[in-house]
Amino acid sequence: MDTLTYILNLARLKSSVYCRSELGSPWGLHFASRSCAVFHVLHRGNGFFRVAGTPEWTPLREGDLLLLPHGQEHLLLETPDTHPLRNLELDQWGKCALMRWSDMPSAVLLCGTFDFEYVHAASLFRYLPDVIHIPYHAARPLNRVLELMADEAESQRPAKEVVLRRLADILFVQIVQYWVEMHGTQGSGWLGAFHDPLIGKALALMHAHPQQDWQVASLARALACSRSTFAARFTALVGEPPMEYLTRWRMQIASRLLIEDPSLRVGEVAARVGYRSEAAFSKAFKRLIGIAPTAYRSAAGHRVEATRPEVHIGVRTTEAVATGAGMHT
């Protein structure tokens, strides 16, 4: 199993497609910041994009894809001098809402989010840039998924929310694959490091065997290189020393085990991630996660009970738009 697969399996991606907006000219949208990744697909028309607080406008063409991994506040406008006509909260209408802002749309926009079931796993994606813009012509595998999403979003078929969510999951993985292929090992943290012959193998060993008593020396022996060479190259590519990365990785796994298997005692969780001492594990967990393992498990259990997901399927018609219902201006 490759490193990216380990990362995505741990993070437990949660994708949501919130709305398909049909926009009449002139159109302008303002999106508030979010704590998760946001994506947009311009299925029809052209426009411009800008992250709030930055001067540069990025032209968008039909079929282009935008991903904001860190969910910054941003603008999507027909032209740079268009005034933002609407302030949108992506989840204000529920999921899979059809937004008909015009009887004669000049643009169609699909919007959604990528989040992670285990919030601390999201930190593994901190090396992604603020914005990933993928033109339609740049990646054929992405285009096939986008075409399926466009067809499903326009339909009124049963269970379309489930289909769109699964397609969005695939879309996210393909975006990350595209980014790694385009940028290689330069400046992209572990996203590039796992392509490195030496460090990629070290990451695979850590991810596959977190319970092993790894040290810099034992990892270097497994890679048939010196400790200094291994430690320096790992830190340069990944952005932190090997043992710090390993500890953080172990805590990601531990946080998942604490939630998913209530029958496991804290000491058993500690052993599964390479700690012989429950006290040492608890200290490391609290240092990285912020609370003790038992408190984390208890808090996670309360969150699950309080936030059982509900399915919302909404259709917004031009008649509803005329009344201004649900509009934030």
Protein backbone atom coordinates (compact mmCIF):
# COMPACT_ATOMS: atom_id res chain seq x y z
CA MET A 1 0.00 0.00 0.00
CA ASP A 2 1.53 3.37 -1.00
CA THR A 3 1.87 6.32 1.35
CA LEU A 4 -0.92 8.41 -0.17
CA THR A 5 -3.31 5.48 0.31
CA TYR A 6 -2.33 5.24 3.98
CA ILE A 7 -2.90 8.97 4.41
CA LEU A 8 -6.33 8.98 2.77
CA ASN A 9 -7.47 5.86 4.61
CA LEU A 10 -6.54 7.47 7.91
CA ALA A 11 -8.06 10.86 7.14
CA ARG A 12 -11.46 9.38 6.22
CA LEU A 13 -12.45 11.92 3.61
CA LYS A 14 -15.97 13.35 3.83
CA SER A 15 -17.12 15.06 0.63
CA SER A 16 -20.25 17.15 0.23
CA VAL A 17 -21.72 18.71 -2.91
CA TYR A 18 -23.86 21.60 -1.72
CA CYS A 19 -25.27 23.35 -4.75
CA ARG A 20 -25.45 23.67 -8.49
CA SER A 21 -25.98 27.36 -9.25
CA GLU A 22 -27.40 28.68 -12.52
CA LEU A 23 -26.23 32.29 -12.76
CA GLY A 24 -27.46 35.09 -15.00
CA SER A 25 -25.26 37.92 -16.24
CA PRO A 26 -23.88 39.85 -14.44
CA TRP A 27 -23.06 37.46 -11.63
CA GLY A 28 -20.78 37.71 -8.61
CA LEU A 29 -20.42 35.48 -5.56
CA HIS A 30 -18.64 35.98 -2.26
CA PHE A 31 -17.78 32.90 -0.16
CA ALA A 32 -16.96 33.17 3.53
CA SER A 33 -13.98 31.29 4.94
CA ARG A 34 -14.47 27.72 6.13
CA SER A 35 -12.52 25.28 8.27
CA CYS A 36 -12.44 22.69 5.46
CA ALA A 37 -11.40 22.53 1.81
CA VAL A 38 -13.75 24.10 -0.75
CA PHE A 39 -14.05 23.25 -4.43
CA HIS A 40 -15.80 24.83 -7.40
CA VAL A 41 -16.33 23.54 -10.93
CA LEU A 42 -17.35 26.05 -13.61
CA HIS A 43 -19.47 23.81 -15.80
CA ARG A 44 -20.61 26.59 -18.12
CA GLY A 45 -19.40 30.10 -18.88
CA ASN A 46 -16.29 32.06 -17.98
CA GLY A 47 -15.36 34.10 -14.94
CA PHE A 48 -12.66 35.30 -12.56
CA PHE A 49 -11.46 34.16 -9.16
CA ARG A 50 -9.61 35.87 -6.31
CA VAL A 51 -8.77 34.99 -2.71
CA ALA A 52 -9.94 37.82 -0.44
CA GLY A 53 -7.13 40.17 0.51
CA THR A 54 -5.02 39.41 -2.57
CA PRO A 55 -4.82 41.64 -5.66
CA GLU A 56 -4.51 39.06 -8.41
CA TRP A 57 -7.50 37.80 -10.41
CA THR A 58 -7.33 34.35 -12.00
CA PRO A 59 -9.32 33.92 -15.22
CA LEU A 60 -11.57 30.85 -15.30
CA ARG A 61 -12.79 29.07 -18.40
CA GLU A 62 -15.58 26.58 -18.89
CA GLY A 63 -14.71 23.25 -17.27
CA ASP A 64 -12.05 24.68 -14.94
CA LEU A 65 -11.71 23.34 -11.40
CA LEU A 66 -10.73 25.26 -8.25
CA LEU A 67 -9.69 23.75 -4.93
CA LEU A 68 -9.02 25.84 -1.82
CA PRO A 69 -7.48 23.28 0.57
CA HIS A 70 -7.60 25.69 3.52
CA GLY A 71 -11.04 27.18 2.81
CA GLN A 72 -10.09 30.86 2.59
CA GLU A 73 -12.63 33.61 1.94
CA HIS A 74 -12.84 34.15 -1.82
CA LEU A 75 -14.72 35.73 -4.73
CA LEU A 76 -16.04 34.31 -8.01
CA LEU A 77 -17.18 37.00 -10.45
CA GLU A 78 -18.19 37.22 -14.09
CA THR A 79 -15.68 40.06 -14.56
CA PRO A 80 -13.20 41.63 -12.11
CA ASP A 81 -15.30 44.82 -11.90
CA THR A 82 -18.55 42.95 -11.11
CA HIS A 83 -19.83 43.74 -7.64
CA PRO A 84 -20.37 40.57 -5.54
CA LEU A 85 -24.15 40.22 -5.72
CA ARG A 86 -24.54 37.43 -3.17
CA ASN A 87 -22.77 36.25 -0.04
CA LEU A 88 -23.03 32.48 0.05
CA GLU A 89 -22.70 30.03 2.91
CA LEU A 90 -22.31 26.69 1.17
CA ASP A 91 -24.48 24.80 3.63
CA GLN A 92 -27.29 27.35 4.03
CA TRP A 93 -29.70 25.33 1.86
CA GLY A 94 -28.60 21.83 2.82
CA LYS A 95 -26.98 19.57 0.25
CA CYS A 96 -27.51 19.02 -3.47
CA ALA A 97 -29.58 22.20 -3.80
CA LEU A 98 -30.39 23.38 -7.32
CA MET A 99 -30.03 27.17 -7.30
CA ARG A 100 -31.74 28.86 -10.25
CA TRP A 101 -30.71 32.48 -9.96
CA SER A 102 -31.76 33.23 -13.54
CA ASP A 103 -34.13 32.01 -16.26
CA MET A 104 -31.34 32.64 -18.79
CA PRO A 105 -28.13 31.43 -17.11
CA SER A 106 -24.80 32.45 -18.60
CA ALA A 107 -22.83 30.36 -16.11
CA VAL A 108 -23.33 27.15 -14.13
CA LEU A 109 -21.25 26.53 -11.00
CA LEU A 110 -20.99 23.38 -8.87
CA CYS A 111 -19.79 23.99 -5.29
CA GLY A 112 -18.83 21.64 -2.49
CA THR A 113 -16.45 20.85 0.34
CA PHE A 114 -13.89 18.25 1.36
CA ASP A 115 -13.55 17.54 5.06
CA PHE A 116 -12.08 14.80 7.22
CA GLU A 117 -13.82 12.55 9.72
CA TYR A 118 -10.78 12.80 11.99
CA VAL A 119 -10.08 16.49 12.31
CA HIS A 120 -6.41 16.08 13.30
CA ALA A 121 -5.73 14.07 10.14
CA ALA A 122 -6.41 17.21 8.11
CA SER A 123 -3.05 18.57 9.25
CA LEU A 124 -1.44 16.00 6.99
CA PHE A 125 -2.58 18.14 4.03
CA ARG A 126 -1.03 21.36 5.27
CA TYR A 127 1.56 21.21 2.48
CA LEU A 128 -1.01 21.81 -0.23
CA PRO A 129 -1.00 25.39 -1.59
CA ASP A 130 -3.72 27.92 -0.84
CA VAL A 131 -5.26 27.44 -4.29
CA ILE A 132 -5.10 24.67 -6.86
CA HIS A 133 -6.46 25.74 -10.25
CA ILE A 134 -6.77 22.97 -12.83
CA PRO A 135 -7.80 24.07 -16.34
CA TYR A 136 -10.19 21.76 -18.16
CA HIS A 137 -7.59 20.78 -20.75
CA ALA A 138 -4.93 19.86 -18.18
CA ALA A 139 -6.13 16.51 -16.79
CA ARG A 140 -8.30 14.06 -18.69
CA PRO A 141 -9.01 11.69 -15.76
CA LEU A 142 -10.45 14.64 -13.84
CA ASN A 143 -12.63 15.61 -16.77
CA ARG A 144 -14.36 12.24 -16.82
CA VAL A 145 -15.32 12.58 -13.15
CA LEU A 146 -16.41 16.20 -13.65
CA GLU A 147 -18.67 15.21 -16.54
CA LEU A 148 -20.31 12.53 -14.39
CA MET A 149 -20.77 15.07 -11.58
CA ALA A 150 -22.33 17.60 -13.95
CA ASP A 151 -24.81 15.04 -15.25
CA GLU A 152 -25.74 13.80 -11.77
CA ALA A 153 -26.09 17.31 -10.31
CA GLU A 154 -28.52 18.29 -13.08
CA SER A 155 -30.64 15.16 -12.63
CA GLN A 156 -33.44 14.46 -10.19
CA ARG A 157 -32.54 10.80 -9.81
CA PRO A 158 -33.00 9.16 -6.40
CA ALA A 159 -29.89 8.94 -4.19
CA LYS A 160 -28.08 11.54 -6.27
CA GLU A 161 -26.52 12.97 -3.09
CA VAL A 162 -24.81 9.62 -2.47
CA VAL A 163 -23.55 9.43 -6.06
CA LEU A 164 -22.22 12.99 -5.97
CA ARG A 165 -20.48 12.40 -2.66
CA ARG A 166 -18.71 9.31 -4.00
CA LEU A 167 -17.70 11.12 -7.17
CA ALA A 168 -16.38 14.02 -5.10
CA ASP A 169 -14.28 11.56 -3.06
CA ILE A 170 -12.71 10.34 -6.30
CA LEU A 171 -12.26 13.93 -7.46
CA PHE A 172 -10.28 14.87 -4.35
CA VAL A 173 -7.91 11.92 -4.71
CA GLN A 174 -7.35 12.73 -8.38
CA ILE A 175 -6.65 16.39 -7.55
CA VAL A 176 -3.96 15.34 -5.07
CA GLN A 177 -2.54 12.85 -7.59
CA TYR A 178 -2.44 15.60 -10.21
CA TRP A 179 -0.69 17.98 -7.83
CA VAL A 180 1.98 15.45 -6.88
CA GLU A 181 2.58 14.49 -10.51
CA MET A 182 2.91 18.14 -11.54
CA HIS A 183 5.13 19.31 -8.66
CA GLY A 184 7.10 16.20 -7.72
CA THR A 185 9.30 16.49 -4.64
CA GLN A 186 9.79 20.25 -4.71
CA GLY A 187 8.21 22.13 -1.82
CA SER A 188 5.24 19.83 -1.25
CA GLY A 189 6.18 18.05 1.99
CA TRP A 190 5.29 14.39 2.22
CA LEU A 191 3.16 14.75 -0.93
CA GLY A 192 6.44 14.91 -2.80
CA ALA A 193 8.53 12.99 -0.27
CA PHE A 194 6.76 9.71 -0.89
CA HIS A 195 8.09 9.83 -4.49
CA ASP A 196 11.66 10.03 -3.20
CA PRO A 197 13.36 6.59 -3.39
CA LEU A 198 14.89 6.89 0.09
CA ILE A 199 12.33 8.86 2.10
CA GLY A 200 9.37 7.26 0.36
CA LYS A 201 10.50 3.89 1.69
CA ALA A 202 10.94 5.31 5.20
CA LEU A 203 7.42 6.76 5.15
CA ALA A 204 6.04 3.44 3.95
CA LEU A 205 7.75 1.62 6.84
CA MET A 206 6.41 4.09 9.42
CA HIS A 207 2.89 3.97 8.02
CA ALA A 208 2.74 0.20 7.66
CA HIS A 209 4.34 -0.64 11.02
CA PRO A 210 3.63 2.16 13.53
CA GLN A 211 3.94 -0.32 16.40
CA GLN A 212 7.59 -1.00 15.56
CA ASP A 213 10.21 0.47 17.90
CA TRP A 214 11.56 2.79 15.23
CA GLN A 215 14.55 5.02 15.86
CA VAL A 216 16.58 7.10 13.42
CA ALA A 217 19.27 4.42 13.52
CA SER A 218 16.92 1.51 12.78
CA LEU A 219 15.24 3.37 9.93
CA ALA A 220 18.62 4.28 8.47
CA ARG A 221 19.69 0.62 8.64
CA ALA A 222 16.51 -0.44 6.83
CA LEU A 223 17.33 2.07 4.11
CA ALA A 224 21.03 1.12 3.97
CA CYS A 225 22.21 4.68 4.53
CA SER A 226 23.84 6.69 7.30
CA ARG A 227 21.83 8.21 10.14
CA SER A 228 22.93 11.74 9.25
CA THR A 229 22.05 11.35 5.56
CA PHE A 230 18.64 9.90 6.37
CA ALA A 231 17.75 12.47 9.06
CA ALA A 232 18.85 15.44 6.95
CA ARG A 233 17.05 14.31 3.81
CA PHE A 234 13.87 13.38 5.70
CA THR A 235 13.72 16.76 7.43
CA ALA A 236 14.41 18.63 4.19
CA LEU A 237 11.66 16.86 2.25
CA VAL A 238 8.99 16.29 4.90
CA GLY A 239 9.54 19.48 6.86
CA GLU A 240 10.13 17.93 10.28
CA PRO A 241 12.53 15.36 11.82
CA PRO A 242 11.70 11.64 11.46
CA MET A 243 10.77 11.03 15.10
CA GLU A 244 8.48 14.07 15.25
CA TYR A 245 6.68 12.91 12.14
CA LEU A 246 6.40 9.36 13.50
CA THR A 247 4.93 10.58 16.79
CA ARG A 248 2.35 12.70 15.00
CA TRP A 249 1.46 9.79 12.71
CA ARG A 250 1.02 7.48 15.70
CA MET A 251 -1.30 9.97 17.40
CA GLN A 252 -3.42 10.19 14.26
CA ILE A 253 -3.86 6.42 14.32
CA ALA A 254 -4.47 6.41 18.06
CA SER A 255 -7.19 9.06 17.82
CA ARG A 256 -8.97 6.91 15.25
CA LEU A 257 -8.66 3.73 17.34
CA LEU A 258 -10.00 5.50 20.44
CA ILE A 259 -13.16 6.46 18.57
CA GLU A 260 -13.73 3.40 16.41
CA ASP A 261 -13.14 0.66 18.98
CA PRO A 262 -14.49 1.53 22.46
CA SER A 263 -13.54 -1.97 23.66
CA LEU A 264 -9.83 -1.14 23.38
CA ARG A 265 -8.28 0.04 26.61
CA VAL A 266 -5.94 3.03 26.42
CA GLY A 267 -2.99 0.75 27.14
CA GLU A 268 -3.93 -1.46 24.17
CA VAL A 269 -4.17 1.57 21.89
CA ALA A 270 -0.75 2.66 23.15
CA ALA A 271 0.74 -0.74 22.27
CA ARG A 272 -0.72 -0.66 18.77
CA VAL A 273 1.10 2.57 18.03
CA GLY A 274 4.46 1.59 19.49
CA TYR A 275 4.27 2.63 23.15
CA ARG A 276 5.14 0.18 25.91
CA SER A 277 4.14 2.69 28.58
CA GLU A 278 0.55 3.94 28.80
CA ALA A 279 1.79 6.98 30.72
CA ALA A 280 4.28 7.91 27.99
CA PHE A 281 1.58 7.46 25.35
CA SER A 282 -0.92 9.61 27.26
CA LYS A 283 1.66 12.36 27.68
CA ALA A 284 2.51 12.36 23.96
CA PHE A 285 -1.18 12.24 23.00
CA LYS A 286 -2.06 15.22 25.19
CA ARG A 287 0.92 17.20 23.90
CA LEU A 288 -0.12 16.76 20.26
CA ILE A 289 -3.92 16.48 20.41
CA GLY A 290 -4.50 18.81 23.33
CA ILE A 291 -6.42 16.53 25.71
CA ALA A 292 -5.86 13.16 27.36
CA PRO A 293 -6.88 9.98 25.45
CA THR A 294 -9.80 9.18 27.79
CA ALA A 295 -11.14 12.73 27.51
CA TYR A 296 -10.74 12.63 23.72
CA ARG A 297 -12.72 9.39 23.50
CA SER A 298 -15.47 10.76 25.73
CA ALA A 299 -15.73 14.06 23.83
CA ALA A 300 -15.81 12.26 20.47
CA GLY A 301 -18.65 10.03 21.69
CA HIS A 302 -20.72 13.05 22.69
CA ARG A 303 -20.07 14.71 19.31
CA VAL A 304 -21.27 11.65 17.41
CA GLU A 305 -24.53 11.54 19.36
CA ALA A 306 -25.10 15.27 18.96
CA THR A 307 -24.36 15.45 15.23
CA ARG A 308 -26.12 12.51 13.60
CA PRO A 309 -26.16 13.45 9.91
CA GLU A 310 -29.42 14.44 8.25
CA VAL A 311 -30.06 14.25 4.53
CA HIS A 312 -31.27 17.51 2.99
CA ILE A 313 -32.27 17.62 -0.66
CA GLY A 314 -33.49 21.03 -1.78
CA VAL A 315 -34.56 22.61 -5.06
CA ARG A 316 -34.44 26.38 -5.34
CA THR A 317 -36.59 27.75 -8.13
CA THR A 318 -36.68 31.07 -9.93
CA GLU A 319 -39.93 31.84 -8.11
CA ALA A 320 -38.14 31.48 -4.76
CA VAL A 321 -35.39 33.77 -5.99
CA ALA A 322 -37.90 36.45 -6.85
CA THR A 323 -39.00 36.62 -3.22
CA GLY A 324 -35.42 36.89 -1.97
CA ALA A 325 -36.00 33.92 0.37
CA GLY A 326 -32.81 32.48 1.79
CA MET A 327 -30.65 35.13 0.13
CA HIS A 328 -27.78 36.86 1.95
CA THR A 329 -26.82 40.20 0.41
